[in-house]
Amino acid sequence: MESLRFLLLFLCSSMALPLAISSGQGRKLSALVPSAPLVLQYHKGPLLTGPASINVYILWYGKFTPSQKATITDFVSSLGAPNAIPNRQPSVSIWWATTQRYTDSTRKGVSGTVKIGGQASDGLYSLGKNLKRSQIALLVKGALAKRLFPSDKRGIYLVLTADDVFVERFCMNSCGFHDSVSVSKRSTILLGWVGNSGVQCPGQCAWPFAAPLYGPPTPPLIPPNGDVGVDGMIINIAAVVAGTATNPFNSGYYQGSALAPQEAVTACSGIFGKGAYPGYAGDLLVDKRSKASFNAYGVNNREFLVPAMWNPSTLQCKTSVA
């Protein structure tokens, strides 16, 4: 039986608003601020290194509006687009550049090039609106069998579920995950899942764009793309893609137990800007017209909020806004 080894959480509590890691059997929450020095150890396994690109294949499960799809695809395209927005900093691509400091045993860094390899839609909910976690892999395998996507060992097959889709443990302690699954005796693929929490649990999976479910009733920030659920998905997609690139097979970079690893982004839970503390995202940029909060520019004049990422060079959580 395939195991979903990497579970990405975005939970709210009275003490923290963390992105943490858990297993399919239920792992304990990681602390927002580790008491020991934050060091993600390299466990000698492969990473998604350059110069070849990392290809993201998006499977839209359920109904997404054209605007929602455009926001998400623009974000993914922004990851590997350093020249698309040369005069607007900080950028999403500069945020992603931190992953290149994660090097493998041959000193090759994670690829700085991220592309959308393809997209497919399952707007008719082929497996229904109540999914088991194991069915995420079935959706990807089905797309491969139908040749909607090529089989790509450097690909990340990202299943995104609409706001009316209930995924097992979604909103209980899960906003997304990444994993590796076998599709044949000789082929293993990487996949991820992120759900739209805008209707079901924005206070858990879309903070700081929604009031926290637990803790002090801090006012929510205005989302830069005008969609609480989708702007929340961007945060979790960032964590899933970064985690997959730097720890694709649970033998890359992480801290703690392999059963409950803290990865590149999840080790820096709840931090988005300078001065962040539990319940406060940190100092961010504010759009003068919309009053929306963000910390990175993307393609097509987009603004996004991206989470902090652990920097192997400084051994600290790095935010896009200093």
C-alpha atoms as a PDB file:
ATOM      1  CA  MET A   1       0.000   0.000   0.000  1.00  0.00           C
ATOM      2  CA  GLU A   2       1.321   3.374  -0.954  1.00  0.00           C
ATOM      3  CA  SER A   3       1.928   5.731   1.911  1.00  0.00           C
ATOM      4  CA  LEU A   4       1.417   9.464   1.867  1.00  0.00           C
ATOM      5  CA  ARG A   5       4.597  10.310   3.687  1.00  0.00           C
ATOM      6  CA  PHE A   6       4.561  14.069   3.535  1.00  0.00           C
ATOM      7  CA  LEU A   7       1.596  15.914   4.952  1.00  0.00           C
ATOM      8  CA  LEU A   8       1.633  19.666   4.873  1.00  0.00           C
ATOM      9  CA  LEU A   9      -0.388  21.378   7.543  1.00  0.00           C
ATOM     10  CA  PHE A  10      -1.433  24.963   8.016  1.00  0.00           C
ATOM     11  CA  LEU A  11      -3.088  25.059  11.416  1.00  0.00           C
ATOM     12  CA  CYS A  12      -4.088  27.789  13.781  1.00  0.00           C
ATOM     13  CA  SER A  13      -3.734  27.604  17.527  1.00  0.00           C
ATOM     14  CA  SER A  14      -3.631  30.002  20.421  1.00  0.00           C
ATOM     15  CA  MET A  15       0.160  29.889  20.349  1.00  0.00           C
ATOM     16  CA  ALA A  16       0.987  29.607  16.660  1.00  0.00           C
ATOM     17  CA  LEU A  17      -0.194  29.564  13.093  1.00  0.00           C
ATOM     18  CA  PRO A  18       2.194  26.947  11.745  1.00  0.00           C
ATOM     19  CA  LEU A  19       2.861  25.019   8.607  1.00  0.00           C
ATOM     20  CA  ALA A  20       3.804  21.641  10.073  1.00  0.00           C
ATOM     21  CA  ILE A  21       4.378  18.058   8.987  1.00  0.00           C
ATOM     22  CA  SER A  22       2.410  14.939   9.753  1.00  0.00           C
ATOM     23  CA  SER A  23       1.936  11.421   8.421  1.00  0.00           C
ATOM     24  CA  GLY A  24      -1.100   9.614   7.171  1.00  0.00           C
ATOM     25  CA  GLN A  25      -1.358   8.018  10.620  1.00  0.00           C
ATOM     26  CA  GLY A  26      -1.300  11.366  12.395  1.00  0.00           C
ATOM     27  CA  ARG A  27       1.908  13.043  13.465  1.00  0.00           C
ATOM     28  CA  LYS A  28       2.354  15.528  16.226  1.00  0.00           C
ATOM     29  CA  LEU A  29       2.461  19.206  15.336  1.00  0.00           C
ATOM     30  CA  SER A  30       5.853  20.777  14.880  1.00  0.00           C
ATOM     31  CA  ALA A  31       6.666  23.783  17.024  1.00  0.00           C
ATOM     32  CA  LEU A  32       6.548  27.185  15.397  1.00  0.00           C
ATOM     33  CA  VAL A  33       9.888  28.251  16.886  1.00  0.00           C
ATOM     34  CA  PRO A  34      12.237  25.333  17.599  1.00  0.00           C
ATOM     35  CA  SER A  35      14.046  25.537  20.922  1.00  0.00           C
ATOM     36  CA  ALA A  36      17.225  24.136  19.354  1.00  0.00           C
ATOM     37  CA  PRO A  37      19.089  25.886  16.498  1.00  0.00           C
ATOM     38  CA  LEU A  38      17.224  25.413  13.241  1.00  0.00           C
ATOM     39  CA  VAL A  39      19.305  23.135  11.041  1.00  0.00           C
ATOM     40  CA  LEU A  40      17.867  21.027   8.262  1.00  0.00           C
ATOM     41  CA  GLN A  41      20.165  18.052   7.823  1.00  0.00           C
ATOM     42  CA  TYR A  42      20.931  16.612   4.399  1.00  0.00           C
ATOM     43  CA  HIS A  43      20.237  12.876   4.359  1.00  0.00           C
ATOM     44  CA  LYS A  44      22.261  12.085   1.207  1.00  0.00           C
ATOM     45  CA  GLY A  45      19.316  11.460  -1.100  1.00  0.00           C
ATOM     46  CA  PRO A  46      18.524  12.979  -4.512  1.00  0.00           C
ATOM     47  CA  LEU A  47      17.141  16.483  -4.996  1.00  0.00           C
ATOM     48  CA  LEU A  48      15.513  18.048  -8.046  1.00  0.00           C
ATOM     49  CA  THR A  49      18.779  19.640  -9.172  1.00  0.00           C
ATOM     50  CA  GLY A  50      19.522  21.829 -12.162  1.00  0.00           C
ATOM     51  CA  PRO A  51      20.179  22.753 -14.827  1.00  0.00           C
ATOM     52  CA  ALA A  52      17.185  20.823 -16.150  1.00  0.00           C
ATOM     53  CA  SER A  53      13.834  22.370 -15.286  1.00  0.00           C
ATOM     54  CA  ILE A  54      11.349  21.222 -12.691  1.00  0.00           C
ATOM     55  CA  ASN A  55       8.094  20.643 -14.524  1.00  0.00           C
ATOM     56  CA  VAL A  56       4.805  21.166 -12.695  1.00  0.00           C
ATOM     57  CA  TYR A  57       1.744  19.413 -14.060  1.00  0.00           C
ATOM     58  CA  ILE A  58      -1.527  20.781 -12.715  1.00  0.00           C
ATOM     59  CA  LEU A  59      -4.674  18.685 -12.432  1.00  0.00           C
ATOM     60  CA  TRP A  60      -7.652  20.882 -11.602  1.00  0.00           C
ATOM     61  CA  TYR A  61     -10.156  18.752  -9.722  1.00  0.00           C
ATOM     62  CA  GLY A  62     -13.568  20.362  -9.493  1.00  0.00           C
ATOM     63  CA  LYS A  63     -14.695  23.755 -10.642  1.00  0.00           C
ATOM     64  CA  PHE A  64     -12.203  26.617 -10.797  1.00  0.00           C
ATOM     65  CA  THR A  65     -12.942  29.941 -12.432  1.00  0.00           C
ATOM     66  CA  PRO A  66     -10.649  31.245 -15.191  1.00  0.00           C
ATOM     67  CA  SER A  67      -9.498  33.945 -12.762  1.00  0.00           C
ATOM     68  CA  GLN A  68      -8.557  31.383 -10.120  1.00  0.00           C
ATOM     69  CA  LYS A  69      -6.618  29.298 -12.630  1.00  0.00           C
ATOM     70  CA  ALA A  70      -4.816  32.366 -13.942  1.00  0.00           C
ATOM     71  CA  THR A  71      -3.726  33.403 -10.438  1.00  0.00           C
ATOM     72  CA  ILE A  72      -2.262  29.990  -9.673  1.00  0.00           C
ATOM     73  CA  THR A  73      -0.591  29.439 -13.050  1.00  0.00           C
ATOM     74  CA  ASP A  74       0.920  32.916 -12.875  1.00  0.00           C
ATOM     75  CA  PHE A  75       2.385  32.031  -9.490  1.00  0.00           C
ATOM     76  CA  VAL A  76       3.932  28.777 -10.709  1.00  0.00           C
ATOM     77  CA  SER A  77       5.267  30.568 -13.789  1.00  0.00           C
ATOM     78  CA  SER A  78       6.764  33.249 -11.533  1.00  0.00           C
ATOM     79  CA  LEU A  79       8.939  30.720  -9.693  1.00  0.00           C
ATOM     80  CA  GLY A  80      11.337  30.299 -12.591  1.00  0.00           C
ATOM     81  CA  ALA A  81      10.986  33.689 -14.252  1.00  0.00           C
ATOM     82  CA  PRO A  82      13.900  35.856 -13.002  1.00  0.00           C
ATOM     83  CA  ASN A  83      13.839  38.114 -16.063  1.00  0.00           C
ATOM     84  CA  ALA A  84      10.084  38.549 -16.297  1.00  0.00           C
ATOM     85  CA  ILE A  85       9.942  41.267 -13.647  1.00  0.00           C
ATOM     86  CA  PRO A  86      13.453  42.790 -13.541  1.00  0.00           C
ATOM     87  CA  ASN A  87      12.377  46.124 -12.110  1.00  0.00           C
ATOM     88  CA  ARG A  88      10.011  44.865  -9.441  1.00  0.00           C
ATOM     89  CA  GLN A  89      11.581  43.422  -6.330  1.00  0.00           C
ATOM     90  CA  PRO A  90      11.243  41.416  -4.210  1.00  0.00           C
ATOM     91  CA  SER A  91      10.102  38.787  -6.683  1.00  0.00           C
ATOM     92  CA  VAL A  92       8.801  35.244  -6.476  1.00  0.00           C
ATOM     93  CA  SER A  93      11.797  34.045  -8.492  1.00  0.00           C
ATOM     94  CA  ILE A  94      14.214  35.574  -5.957  1.00  0.00           C
ATOM     95  CA  TRP A  95      12.282  33.753  -3.232  1.00  0.00           C
ATOM     96  CA  TRP A  96      12.679  30.497  -5.176  1.00  0.00           C
ATOM     97  CA  ALA A  97      16.399  31.139  -5.690  1.00  0.00           C
ATOM     98  CA  THR A  98      16.983  30.176  -2.053  1.00  0.00           C
ATOM     99  CA  THR A  99      16.273  26.548  -3.035  1.00  0.00           C
ATOM    100  CA  GLN A 100      19.418  26.595  -5.174  1.00  0.00           C
ATOM    101  CA  ARG A 101      21.426  26.757  -1.947  1.00  0.00           C
ATOM    102  CA  TYR A 102      20.180  23.247  -1.171  1.00  0.00           C
ATOM    103  CA  THR A 103      22.874  21.065  -2.741  1.00  0.00           C
ATOM    104  CA  ASP A 104      23.208  17.316  -3.167  1.00  0.00           C
ATOM    105  CA  SER A 105      26.232  15.090  -2.586  1.00  0.00           C
ATOM    106  CA  THR A 106      27.783  16.307  -5.872  1.00  0.00           C
ATOM    107  CA  ARG A 107      27.220  19.938  -4.805  1.00  0.00           C
ATOM    108  CA  LYS A 108      24.571  20.521  -7.429  1.00  0.00           C
ATOM    109  CA  GLY A 109      21.819  22.852  -6.289  1.00  0.00           C
ATOM    110  CA  VAL A 110      18.077  22.595  -6.784  1.00  0.00           C
ATOM    111  CA  SER A 111      17.042  23.794 -10.211  1.00  0.00           C
ATOM    112  CA  GLY A 112      16.265  27.475 -10.541  1.00  0.00           C
ATOM    113  CA  THR A 113      14.003  26.787 -13.511  1.00  0.00           C
ATOM    114  CA  VAL A 114      10.396  25.858 -12.838  1.00  0.00           C
ATOM    115  CA  LYS A 115       7.904  25.467 -15.678  1.00  0.00           C
ATOM    116  CA  ILE A 116       4.308  24.431 -16.120  1.00  0.00           C
ATOM    117  CA  GLY A 117       4.556  21.130 -17.976  1.00  0.00           C
ATOM    118  CA  GLY A 118       0.855  20.798 -18.654  1.00  0.00           C
ATOM    119  CA  GLN A 119      -2.643  21.224 -17.315  1.00  0.00           C
ATOM    120  CA  ALA A 120      -5.757  19.055 -17.280  1.00  0.00           C
ATOM    121  CA  SER A 121      -9.201  19.487 -15.755  1.00  0.00           C
ATOM    122  CA  ASP A 122     -11.541  17.081 -14.041  1.00  0.00           C
ATOM    123  CA  GLY A 123     -14.498  19.400 -13.679  1.00  0.00           C
ATOM    124  CA  LEU A 124     -16.981  16.538 -13.435  1.00  0.00           C
ATOM    125  CA  TYR A 125     -15.526  15.187 -10.178  1.00  0.00           C
ATOM    126  CA  SER A 126     -14.725  11.728 -11.592  1.00  0.00           C
ATOM    127  CA  LEU A 127     -14.130  10.283  -8.104  1.00  0.00           C
ATOM    128  CA  GLY A 128     -16.817  12.335  -6.391  1.00  0.00           C
ATOM    129  CA  LYS A 129     -16.578  15.214  -3.962  1.00  0.00           C
ATOM    130  CA  ASN A 130     -15.374  13.177  -0.981  1.00  0.00           C
ATOM    131  CA  LEU A 131     -11.875  11.883  -1.579  1.00  0.00           C
ATOM    132  CA  LYS A 132      -9.676   9.560   0.384  1.00  0.00           C
ATOM    133  CA  ARG A 133      -6.085  10.652   0.566  1.00  0.00           C
ATOM    134  CA  SER A 134      -5.028   7.595  -1.445  1.00  0.00           C
ATOM    135  CA  GLN A 135      -7.266   8.742  -4.288  1.00  0.00           C
ATOM    136  CA  ILE A 136      -5.008  11.706  -5.012  1.00  0.00           C
ATOM    137  CA  ALA A 137      -2.459   9.243  -6.393  1.00  0.00           C
ATOM    138  CA  LEU A 138      -5.228   7.493  -8.342  1.00  0.00           C
ATOM    139  CA  LEU A 139      -6.130  10.779 -10.016  1.00  0.00           C
ATOM    140  CA  VAL A 140      -2.542  11.301 -11.104  1.00  0.00           C
ATOM    141  CA  LYS A 141      -2.174   7.720 -12.329  1.00  0.00           C
ATOM    142  CA  GLY A 142      -5.422   8.081 -14.243  1.00  0.00           C
ATOM    143  CA  ALA A 143      -4.191  11.251 -15.936  1.00  0.00           C
ATOM    144  CA  LEU A 144      -0.974   9.482 -16.923  1.00  0.00           C
ATOM    145  CA  ALA A 145      -2.888   6.462 -18.231  1.00  0.00           C
ATOM    146  CA  LYS A 146      -5.029   8.771 -20.385  1.00  0.00           C
ATOM    147  CA  ARG A 147      -1.852  10.485 -21.562  1.00  0.00           C
ATOM    148  CA  LEU A 148      -3.046  13.831 -20.310  1.00  0.00           C
ATOM    149  CA  PHE A 149       0.472  14.226 -18.938  1.00  0.00           C
ATOM    150  CA  PRO A 150       3.764  12.580 -19.894  1.00  0.00           C
ATOM    151  CA  SER A 151       5.612  10.418 -17.413  1.00  0.00           C
ATOM    152  CA  ASP A 152       8.286  12.769 -16.113  1.00  0.00           C
ATOM    153  CA  LYS A 153      10.801  11.826 -13.432  1.00  0.00           C
ATOM    154  CA  ARG A 154      11.484  15.541 -12.901  1.00  0.00           C
ATOM    155  CA  GLY A 155       7.822  16.388 -12.796  1.00  0.00           C
ATOM    156  CA  ILE A 156       5.644  17.380  -9.858  1.00  0.00           C
ATOM    157  CA  TYR A 157       2.067  16.308 -10.468  1.00  0.00           C
ATOM    158  CA  LEU A 158       0.009  18.786  -8.508  1.00  0.00           C
ATOM    159  CA  VAL A 159      -3.636  17.983  -7.800  1.00  0.00           C
ATOM    160  CA  LEU A 160      -5.615  21.068  -6.806  1.00  0.00           C
ATOM    161  CA  THR A 161      -9.098  20.527  -5.409  1.00  0.00           C
ATOM    162  CA  ALA A 162     -11.926  23.057  -5.563  1.00  0.00           C
ATOM    163  CA  ASP A 163     -13.614  24.573  -2.522  1.00  0.00           C
ATOM    164  CA  ASP A 164     -16.496  22.065  -2.615  1.00  0.00           C
ATOM    165  CA  VAL A 165     -14.253  18.994  -2.530  1.00  0.00           C
ATOM    166  CA  PHE A 166     -13.692  17.266   0.806  1.00  0.00           C
ATOM    167  CA  VAL A 167     -10.375  15.431   1.073  1.00  0.00           C
ATOM    168  CA  GLU A 168      -9.741  13.076   3.960  1.00  0.00           C
ATOM    169  CA  ARG A 169      -8.403  15.048   6.951  1.00  0.00           C
ATOM    170  CA  PHE A 170      -8.646  18.335   5.041  1.00  0.00           C
ATOM    171  CA  CYS A 171      -9.328  21.131   7.530  1.00  0.00           C
ATOM    172  CA  MET A 172      -8.880  18.734  10.439  1.00  0.00           C
ATOM    173  CA  ASN A 173      -5.098  18.902  10.271  1.00  0.00           C
ATOM    174  CA  SER A 174      -4.215  19.078   6.596  1.00  0.00           C
ATOM    175  CA  CYS A 175      -4.055  21.703   3.854  1.00  0.00           C
ATOM    176  CA  GLY A 176      -1.877  19.734   1.446  1.00  0.00           C
ATOM    177  CA  PHE A 177       0.965  17.232   1.085  1.00  0.00           C
ATOM    178  CA  HIS A 178       3.613  15.882  -1.268  1.00  0.00           C
ATOM    179  CA  ASP A 179       4.645  12.294  -1.818  1.00  0.00           C
ATOM    180  CA  SER A 180       6.346   9.854  -4.184  1.00  0.00           C
ATOM    181  CA  VAL A 181       4.471   6.906  -5.639  1.00  0.00           C
ATOM    182  CA  SER A 182       5.377   4.006  -7.886  1.00  0.00           C
ATOM    183  CA  VAL A 183       3.619   3.852 -11.250  1.00  0.00           C
ATOM    184  CA  SER A 184       5.563   0.838 -12.537  1.00  0.00           C
ATOM    185  CA  LYS A 185       8.434  -1.418 -11.512  1.00  0.00           C
ATOM    186  CA  ARG A 186      10.899   1.111 -12.927  1.00  0.00           C
ATOM    187  CA  SER A 187       9.103   4.402 -12.534  1.00  0.00           C
ATOM    188  CA  THR A 188       8.359   6.561  -9.509  1.00  0.00           C
ATOM    189  CA  ILE A 189       6.674   9.934  -9.742  1.00  0.00           C
ATOM    190  CA  LEU A 190       6.334  12.899  -7.423  1.00  0.00           C
ATOM    191  CA  LEU A 191       2.933  14.299  -6.616  1.00  0.00           C
ATOM    192  CA  GLY A 192       1.356  16.914  -4.429  1.00  0.00           C
ATOM    193  CA  TRP A 193      -2.073  18.084  -3.349  1.00  0.00           C
ATOM    194  CA  VAL A 194      -3.426  21.412  -2.133  1.00  0.00           C
ATOM    195  CA  GLY A 195      -7.072  22.186  -1.418  1.00  0.00           C
ATOM    196  CA  ASN A 196      -9.027  25.423  -1.660  1.00  0.00           C
ATOM    197  CA  SER A 197     -10.032  26.200   1.917  1.00  0.00           C
ATOM    198  CA  GLY A 198     -11.979  29.369   1.152  1.00  0.00           C
ATOM    199  CA  VAL A 199     -15.327  27.834   2.107  1.00  0.00           C
ATOM    200  CA  GLN A 200     -14.356  24.990   4.412  1.00  0.00           C
ATOM    201  CA  CYS A 201     -11.620  26.331   6.707  1.00  0.00           C
ATOM    202  CA  PRO A 202     -10.017  29.634   5.722  1.00  0.00           C
ATOM    203  CA  GLY A 203      -8.964  30.259   9.321  1.00  0.00           C
ATOM    204  CA  GLN A 204      -6.810  27.136   9.183  1.00  0.00           C
ATOM    205  CA  CYS A 205      -5.443  27.028   5.642  1.00  0.00           C
ATOM    206  CA  ALA A 206      -5.714  30.611   4.374  1.00  0.00           C
ATOM    207  CA  TRP A 207      -4.311  32.583   7.328  1.00  0.00           C
ATOM    208  CA  PRO A 208      -3.372  35.467   7.393  1.00  0.00           C
ATOM    209  CA  PHE A 209      -6.144  36.237   4.875  1.00  0.00           C
ATOM    210  CA  ALA A 210      -8.801  34.935   7.253  1.00  0.00           C
ATOM    211  CA  ALA A 211      -9.307  35.316  10.989  1.00  0.00           C
ATOM    212  CA  PRO A 212      -7.578  32.466  12.834  1.00  0.00           C
ATOM    213  CA  LEU A 213      -9.803  29.650  13.989  1.00  0.00           C
ATOM    214  CA  TYR A 214      -8.063  29.687  17.359  1.00  0.00           C
ATOM    215  CA  GLY A 215      -6.182  32.286  19.340  1.00  0.00           C
ATOM    216  CA  PRO A 216      -6.519  36.075  19.456  1.00  0.00           C
ATOM    217  CA  PRO A 217      -9.046  37.408  16.932  1.00  0.00           C
ATOM    218  CA  THR A 218      -6.524  39.286  14.822  1.00  0.00           C
ATOM    219  CA  PRO A 219      -8.038  41.007  11.774  1.00  0.00           C
ATOM    220  CA  PRO A 220      -7.394  39.236   8.464  1.00  0.00           C
ATOM    221  CA  LEU A 221      -5.218  40.800   5.810  1.00  0.00           C
ATOM    222  CA  ILE A 222      -6.591  41.677   2.387  1.00  0.00           C
ATOM    223  CA  PRO A 223      -5.503  39.033  -0.167  1.00  0.00           C
ATOM    224  CA  PRO A 224      -3.480  40.431  -3.085  1.00  0.00           C
ATOM    225  CA  ASN A 225      -5.493  38.606  -5.739  1.00  0.00           C
ATOM    226  CA  GLY A 226      -8.868  39.182  -4.154  1.00  0.00           C
ATOM    227  CA  ASP A 227      -9.560  35.535  -3.361  1.00  0.00           C
ATOM    228  CA  VAL A 228      -9.014  34.287   0.194  1.00  0.00           C
ATOM    229  CA  GLY A 229      -9.091  30.626  -0.813  1.00  0.00           C
ATOM    230  CA  VAL A 230      -6.773  30.934  -3.807  1.00  0.00           C
ATOM    231  CA  ASP A 231      -4.315  33.304  -2.132  1.00  0.00           C
ATOM    232  CA  GLY A 232      -4.216  30.788   0.712  1.00  0.00           C
ATOM    233  CA  MET A 233      -3.555  28.020  -1.820  1.00  0.00           C
ATOM    234  CA  ILE A 234      -0.562  29.976  -3.131  1.00  0.00           C
ATOM    235  CA  ILE A 235       1.076  29.808   0.313  1.00  0.00           C
ATOM    236  CA  ASN A 236       0.560  26.050   0.504  1.00  0.00           C
ATOM    237  CA  ILE A 237       1.565  25.436  -3.113  1.00  0.00           C
ATOM    238  CA  ALA A 238       4.815  27.278  -2.398  1.00  0.00           C
ATOM    239  CA  ALA A 239       5.489  24.999   0.554  1.00  0.00           C
ATOM    240  CA  VAL A 240       4.591  21.822  -1.351  1.00  0.00           C
ATOM    241  CA  VAL A 241       6.743  22.621  -4.386  1.00  0.00           C
ATOM    242  CA  ALA A 242       9.715  23.735  -2.271  1.00  0.00           C
ATOM    243  CA  GLY A 243       9.389  20.657  -0.066  1.00  0.00           C
ATOM    244  CA  THR A 244       9.243  18.363  -3.083  1.00  0.00           C
ATOM    245  CA  ALA A 245      12.317  19.937  -4.701  1.00  0.00           C
ATOM    246  CA  THR A 246      14.457  19.787  -1.557  1.00  0.00           C
ATOM    247  CA  ASN A 247      13.143  16.532  -0.060  1.00  0.00           C
ATOM    248  CA  PRO A 248      11.513  14.549  -2.866  1.00  0.00           C
ATOM    249  CA  PHE A 249      11.963  11.043  -1.434  1.00  0.00           C
ATOM    250  CA  ASN A 250      12.236  11.775   2.282  1.00  0.00           C
ATOM    251  CA  SER A 251      16.008  11.533   1.993  1.00  0.00           C
ATOM    252  CA  GLY A 252      16.810  15.161   1.249  1.00  0.00           C
ATOM    253  CA  TYR A 253      16.797  18.143   3.596  1.00  0.00           C
ATOM    254  CA  TYR A 254      14.701  18.078   6.726  1.00  0.00           C
ATOM    255  CA  GLN A 255      14.924  18.395  10.475  1.00  0.00           C
ATOM    256  CA  GLY A 256      13.711  15.845  12.985  1.00  0.00           C
ATOM    257  CA  SER A 257      12.253  12.426  12.382  1.00  0.00           C
ATOM    258  CA  ALA A 258      11.628  11.171   8.848  1.00  0.00           C
ATOM    259  CA  LEU A 259       8.105  10.436  10.061  1.00  0.00           C
ATOM    260  CA  ALA A 260       7.573  14.076  11.011  1.00  0.00           C
ATOM    261  CA  PRO A 261      10.079  16.158   9.045  1.00  0.00           C
ATOM    262  CA  GLN A 262      10.340  19.921   9.055  1.00  0.00           C
ATOM    263  CA  GLU A 263      11.170  20.941   5.518  1.00  0.00           C
ATOM    264  CA  ALA A 264      12.353  24.056   3.668  1.00  0.00           C
ATOM    265  CA  VAL A 265       9.177  26.051   4.272  1.00  0.00           C
ATOM    266  CA  THR A 266       7.404  24.157   7.016  1.00  0.00           C
ATOM    267  CA  ALA A 267      10.402  24.687   9.297  1.00  0.00           C
ATOM    268  CA  CYS A 268       9.599  28.406   9.106  1.00  0.00           C
ATOM    269  CA  SER A 269       5.893  28.161   9.843  1.00  0.00           C
ATOM    270  CA  GLY A 270       3.846  31.319  10.191  1.00  0.00           C
ATOM    271  CA  ILE A 271       6.654  33.664   9.087  1.00  0.00           C
ATOM    272  CA  PHE A 272       6.083  35.951   6.106  1.00  0.00           C
ATOM    273  CA  GLY A 273       7.997  39.116   6.948  1.00  0.00           C
ATOM    274  CA  LYS A 274      10.435  40.744   9.336  1.00  0.00           C
ATOM    275  CA  GLY A 275       9.342  40.784  12.964  1.00  0.00           C
ATOM    276  CA  ALA A 276       6.884  37.909  12.630  1.00  0.00           C
ATOM    277  CA  TYR A 277       5.681  36.208  15.792  1.00  0.00           C
ATOM    278  CA  PRO A 278       2.837  33.791  16.569  1.00  0.00           C
ATOM    279  CA  GLY A 279      -0.338  35.361  15.219  1.00  0.00           C
ATOM    280  CA  TYR A 280       1.506  38.140  13.353  1.00  0.00           C
ATOM    281  CA  ALA A 281       2.692  37.489   9.795  1.00  0.00           C
ATOM    282  CA  GLY A 282       5.437  40.123   9.919  1.00  0.00           C
ATOM    283  CA  ASP A 283       6.094  43.411   8.158  1.00  0.00           C
ATOM    284  CA  LEU A 284       4.726  43.188   4.617  1.00  0.00           C
ATOM    285  CA  LEU A 285       4.279  45.362   1.567  1.00  0.00           C
ATOM    286  CA  VAL A 286       0.852  46.920   1.064  1.00  0.00           C
ATOM    287  CA  ASP A 287      -0.632  47.744  -2.307  1.00  0.00           C
ATOM    288  CA  LYS A 288      -1.495  51.431  -2.344  1.00  0.00           C
ATOM    289  CA  ARG A 289      -4.700  50.941  -4.333  1.00  0.00           C
ATOM    290  CA  SER A 290      -6.175  47.697  -3.010  1.00  0.00           C
ATOM    291  CA  LYS A 291      -4.599  47.831   0.477  1.00  0.00           C
ATOM    292  CA  ALA A 292      -3.764  44.162   0.010  1.00  0.00           C
ATOM    293  CA  SER A 293      -0.741  42.679   1.801  1.00  0.00           C
ATOM    294  CA  PHE A 294       1.976  40.858  -0.137  1.00  0.00           C
ATOM    295  CA  ASN A 295       5.722  40.267  -0.155  1.00  0.00           C
ATOM    296  CA  ALA A 296       6.636  39.244  -3.706  1.00  0.00           C
ATOM    297  CA  TYR A 297       5.942  40.349  -7.266  1.00  0.00           C
ATOM    298  CA  GLY A 298       5.141  37.862 -10.005  1.00  0.00           C
ATOM    299  CA  VAL A 299       4.526  37.759 -13.737  1.00  0.00           C
ATOM    300  CA  ASN A 300       1.658  39.708 -15.285  1.00  0.00           C
ATOM    301  CA  ASN A 301       1.885  42.374 -12.590  1.00  0.00           C
ATOM    302  CA  ARG A 302       0.822  39.916  -9.918  1.00  0.00           C
ATOM    303  CA  GLU A 303       1.417  40.296  -6.204  1.00  0.00           C
ATOM    304  CA  PHE A 304       1.725  37.251  -3.955  1.00  0.00           C
ATOM    305  CA  LEU A 305       2.326  36.354  -0.329  1.00  0.00           C
ATOM    306  CA  VAL A 306       5.001  33.666  -0.034  1.00  0.00           C
ATOM    307  CA  PRO A 307       6.129  31.996   3.201  1.00  0.00           C
ATOM    308  CA  ALA A 308       9.610  32.219   4.650  1.00  0.00           C
ATOM    309  CA  MET A 309      12.115  29.559   3.614  1.00  0.00           C
ATOM    310  CA  TRP A 310      15.046  28.152   5.565  1.00  0.00           C
ATOM    311  CA  ASN A 311      18.336  29.322   4.070  1.00  0.00           C
ATOM    312  CA  PRO A 312      21.134  26.702   4.282  1.00  0.00           C
ATOM    313  CA  SER A 313      23.786  29.433   4.006  1.00  0.00           C
ATOM    314  CA  THR A 314      22.644  31.444   7.023  1.00  0.00           C
ATOM    315  CA  LEU A 315      20.796  28.667   8.922  1.00  0.00           C
ATOM    316  CA  GLN A 316      17.887  31.076   9.323  1.00  0.00           C
ATOM    317  CA  CYS A 317      14.399  31.507   7.942  1.00  0.00           C
ATOM    318  CA  LYS A 318      14.603  33.941   5.048  1.00  0.00           C
ATOM    319  CA  THR A 319      11.695  36.165   4.040  1.00  0.00           C
ATOM    320  CA  SER A 320      11.362  37.878   0.701  1.00  0.00           C
ATOM    321  CA  VAL A 321      10.960  41.221   2.485  1.00  0.00           C
ATOM    322  CA  ALA A 322      13.966  42.010   4.664  1.00  0.00           C
END
